[in-house]
């Protein structure tokens, strides 16, 4: 079984190689969007499913669309 740090490292490598989300790309997010997205992902998924009106507005990019 992989450790948490191994899983995080693999995901970050995937983001860079497949999505193009490099550190330079990350630097353009100057309004705490990445930390807000991390907090959203840390929520119990059931909250996002059963109470979307309450929690989906926490997604930092939902206001862009």
N, C-alpha and C. Protein backbone atom coordinates (compact mmCIF):
# COMPACT_ATOMS: atom_id res chain seq x y z
N UNK A 1 0.83 -1.17 0.00
CA UNK A 1 0.00 0.00 0.00
C UNK A 1 0.89 1.24 0.00
N UNK A 2 0.54 2.20 -0.84
CA UNK A 2 1.33 3.42 -0.94
C UNK A 2 1.00 4.36 0.21
N UNK A 3 2.02 5.12 0.60
CA UNK A 3 1.82 6.10 1.65
C UNK A 3 1.11 7.33 1.08
N UNK A 4 0.61 8.16 1.96
CA UNK A 4 -0.05 9.39 1.54
C UNK A 4 0.88 10.27 0.72
N UNK A 5 2.13 10.39 1.14
CA UNK A 5 3.07 11.26 0.43
C UNK A 5 3.37 10.71 -0.97
N UNK A 6 3.40 9.38 -1.10
CA UNK A 6 3.60 8.79 -2.43
C UNK A 6 2.42 9.09 -3.35
N UNK A 7 1.22 8.98 -2.81
CA UNK A 7 0.03 9.28 -3.61
C UNK A 7 0.00 10.75 -4.02
N UNK A 8 0.36 11.63 -3.09
CA UNK A 8 0.39 13.06 -3.40
C UNK A 8 1.43 13.35 -4.47
N UNK A 9 2.59 12.76 -4.34
CA UNK A 9 3.66 12.96 -5.32
C UNK A 9 3.25 12.48 -6.71
N UNK A 10 2.62 11.32 -6.77
CA UNK A 10 2.16 10.79 -8.06
C UNK A 10 1.11 11.71 -8.69
N UNK A 11 0.21 12.22 -7.87
CA UNK A 11 -0.84 13.10 -8.39
C UNK A 11 -0.24 14.41 -8.90
N UNK A 12 0.71 14.94 -8.17
CA UNK A 12 1.35 16.19 -8.61
C UNK A 12 2.11 15.96 -9.93
N UNK A 13 2.79 14.86 -10.05
CA UNK A 13 3.48 14.53 -11.31
C UNK A 13 2.48 14.42 -12.45
N UNK A 14 1.34 13.78 -12.21
CA UNK A 14 0.31 13.68 -13.24
C UNK A 14 -0.21 15.06 -13.63
N UNK A 15 -0.44 15.91 -12.65
CA UNK A 15 -0.93 17.26 -12.95
C UNK A 15 0.03 18.02 -13.84
N UNK A 16 1.30 17.90 -13.57
CA UNK A 16 2.31 18.61 -14.36
C UNK A 16 2.42 18.01 -15.75
N UNK A 17 2.53 16.70 -15.84
CA UNK A 17 2.76 16.04 -17.13
C UNK A 17 1.53 16.00 -18.02
N UNK A 18 0.35 15.78 -17.45
CA UNK A 18 -0.86 15.61 -18.27
C UNK A 18 -1.69 16.88 -18.36
N UNK A 19 -1.73 17.66 -17.33
CA UNK A 19 -2.60 18.84 -17.29
C UNK A 19 -1.83 20.13 -17.60
N UNK A 20 -0.52 20.09 -17.45
CA UNK A 20 0.27 21.30 -17.67
C UNK A 20 0.22 22.28 -16.51
N UNK A 21 -0.18 21.80 -15.33
CA UNK A 21 -0.29 22.67 -14.17
C UNK A 21 1.07 22.74 -13.46
N UNK A 22 1.94 23.52 -14.04
CA UNK A 22 3.30 23.69 -13.53
C UNK A 22 3.30 24.69 -12.38
N UNK A 23 4.42 24.80 -11.67
CA UNK A 23 4.50 25.83 -10.64
C UNK A 23 4.25 27.24 -11.19
N UNK A 24 4.69 27.51 -12.41
CA UNK A 24 4.42 28.82 -13.02
C UNK A 24 2.92 29.01 -13.21
N UNK A 25 2.23 27.98 -13.63
CA UNK A 25 0.78 28.06 -13.76
C UNK A 25 0.13 28.29 -12.40
N UNK A 26 0.60 27.59 -11.39
CA UNK A 26 0.04 27.75 -10.05
C UNK A 26 0.20 29.18 -9.54
N UNK A 27 1.29 29.83 -9.93
CA UNK A 27 1.57 31.18 -9.46
C UNK A 27 0.57 32.22 -9.95
N UNK A 28 -0.20 31.91 -10.98
CA UNK A 28 -1.18 32.89 -11.46
C UNK A 28 -2.42 32.94 -10.56
N UNK A 29 -2.57 31.97 -9.70
CA UNK A 29 -3.70 31.93 -8.78
C UNK A 29 -3.32 32.69 -7.51
N UNK A 30 -3.67 33.97 -7.49
CA UNK A 30 -3.20 34.85 -6.42
C UNK A 30 -4.27 35.16 -5.38
N UNK A 31 -5.43 34.58 -5.51
CA UNK A 31 -6.53 34.85 -4.58
C UNK A 31 -6.89 33.61 -3.76
N UNK A 32 -5.91 32.81 -3.43
CA UNK A 32 -6.08 31.61 -2.58
C UNK A 32 -6.95 30.55 -3.22
N UNK A 33 -7.06 30.56 -4.56
CA UNK A 33 -7.92 29.58 -5.23
C UNK A 33 -7.47 28.14 -4.96
N UNK A 34 -6.17 27.90 -4.97
CA UNK A 34 -5.70 26.53 -4.78
C UNK A 34 -5.98 26.02 -3.36
N UNK A 35 -5.82 26.87 -2.37
CA UNK A 35 -6.14 26.42 -1.01
C UNK A 35 -7.64 26.24 -0.82
N UNK A 36 -8.44 27.07 -1.48
CA UNK A 36 -9.89 26.89 -1.40
C UNK A 36 -10.31 25.59 -2.08
N UNK A 37 -9.69 25.28 -3.21
CA UNK A 37 -9.99 24.01 -3.88
C UNK A 37 -9.60 22.83 -3.00
N UNK A 38 -8.45 22.94 -2.34
CA UNK A 38 -8.02 21.86 -1.44
C UNK A 38 -9.00 21.67 -0.30
N UNK A 39 -9.50 22.77 0.25
CA UNK A 39 -10.48 22.67 1.34
C UNK A 39 -11.77 22.03 0.84
N UNK A 40 -12.17 22.37 -0.37
CA UNK A 40 -13.38 21.77 -0.96
C UNK A 40 -13.20 20.26 -1.10
N UNK A 41 -12.04 19.84 -1.61
CA UNK A 41 -11.78 18.41 -1.74
C UNK A 41 -11.72 17.71 -0.39
N UNK A 42 -11.34 18.43 0.66
CA UNK A 42 -11.24 17.83 1.99
C UNK A 42 -12.60 17.61 2.65
N UNK A 43 -13.65 18.26 2.10
CA UNK A 43 -14.99 18.06 2.64
C UNK A 43 -15.44 16.62 2.45
N UNK A 44 -16.27 16.18 3.34
CA UNK A 44 -16.92 14.88 3.17
C UNK A 44 -17.70 14.93 1.85
N UNK A 45 -17.43 14.03 0.90
CA UNK A 45 -18.11 14.08 -0.39
C UNK A 45 -19.62 14.04 -0.28
N UNK A 46 -20.13 13.43 0.76
CA UNK A 46 -21.59 13.38 0.92
C UNK A 46 -22.18 14.77 1.10
N UNK A 47 -21.42 15.66 1.72
CA UNK A 47 -21.91 17.03 1.87
C UNK A 47 -22.06 17.71 0.52
N UNK A 48 -21.09 17.48 -0.36
CA UNK A 48 -21.17 18.08 -1.70
C UNK A 48 -22.31 17.49 -2.50
N UNK A 49 -22.61 16.21 -2.28
CA UNK A 49 -23.66 15.53 -3.03
C UNK A 49 -25.05 15.91 -2.50
N UNK A 50 -25.22 15.85 -1.19
CA UNK A 50 -26.55 16.03 -0.60
C UNK A 50 -26.91 17.49 -0.30
N UNK A 51 -25.89 18.35 -0.22
CA UNK A 51 -26.14 19.77 0.06
C UNK A 51 -25.40 20.67 -0.93
N UNK A 52 -25.62 20.47 -2.23
CA UNK A 52 -24.84 21.23 -3.21
C UNK A 52 -25.02 22.74 -3.10
N UNK A 53 -26.20 23.20 -2.75
CA UNK A 53 -26.42 24.64 -2.64
C UNK A 53 -25.56 25.26 -1.54
N UNK A 54 -25.27 24.49 -0.54
CA UNK A 54 -24.48 25.00 0.58
C UNK A 54 -22.98 24.91 0.32
N UNK A 55 -22.53 23.87 -0.37
CA UNK A 55 -21.10 23.63 -0.48
C UNK A 55 -20.50 23.89 -1.86
N UNK A 56 -21.26 23.75 -2.92
CA UNK A 56 -20.66 23.92 -4.25
C UNK A 56 -20.17 25.33 -4.51
N UNK A 57 -20.71 26.31 -3.78
CA UNK A 57 -20.21 27.67 -3.97
C UNK A 57 -18.82 27.86 -3.36
N UNK A 58 -18.34 26.87 -2.63
CA UNK A 58 -16.98 26.94 -2.09
C UNK A 58 -15.93 26.67 -3.16
N UNK A 59 -16.33 26.02 -4.25
CA UNK A 59 -15.38 25.73 -5.33
C UNK A 59 -14.94 27.07 -5.93
N UNK A 60 -13.65 27.37 -5.91
CA UNK A 60 -13.20 28.73 -6.26
C UNK A 60 -13.47 29.15 -7.70
N UNK A 61 -13.64 28.20 -8.60
CA UNK A 61 -13.83 28.58 -9.99
C UNK A 61 -15.29 28.55 -10.42
N UNK A 62 -16.20 28.22 -9.51
CA UNK A 62 -17.61 28.18 -9.87
C UNK A 62 -18.14 29.57 -10.23
N UNK A 63 -17.51 30.60 -9.68
CA UNK A 63 -17.95 31.95 -9.93
C UNK A 63 -17.52 32.46 -11.32
N UNK A 64 -16.64 31.72 -11.96
CA UNK A 64 -16.13 32.13 -13.27
C UNK A 64 -17.07 31.79 -14.40
N UNK A 65 -18.01 30.86 -14.15
CA UNK A 65 -18.86 30.38 -15.24
C UNK A 65 -20.27 30.85 -15.10
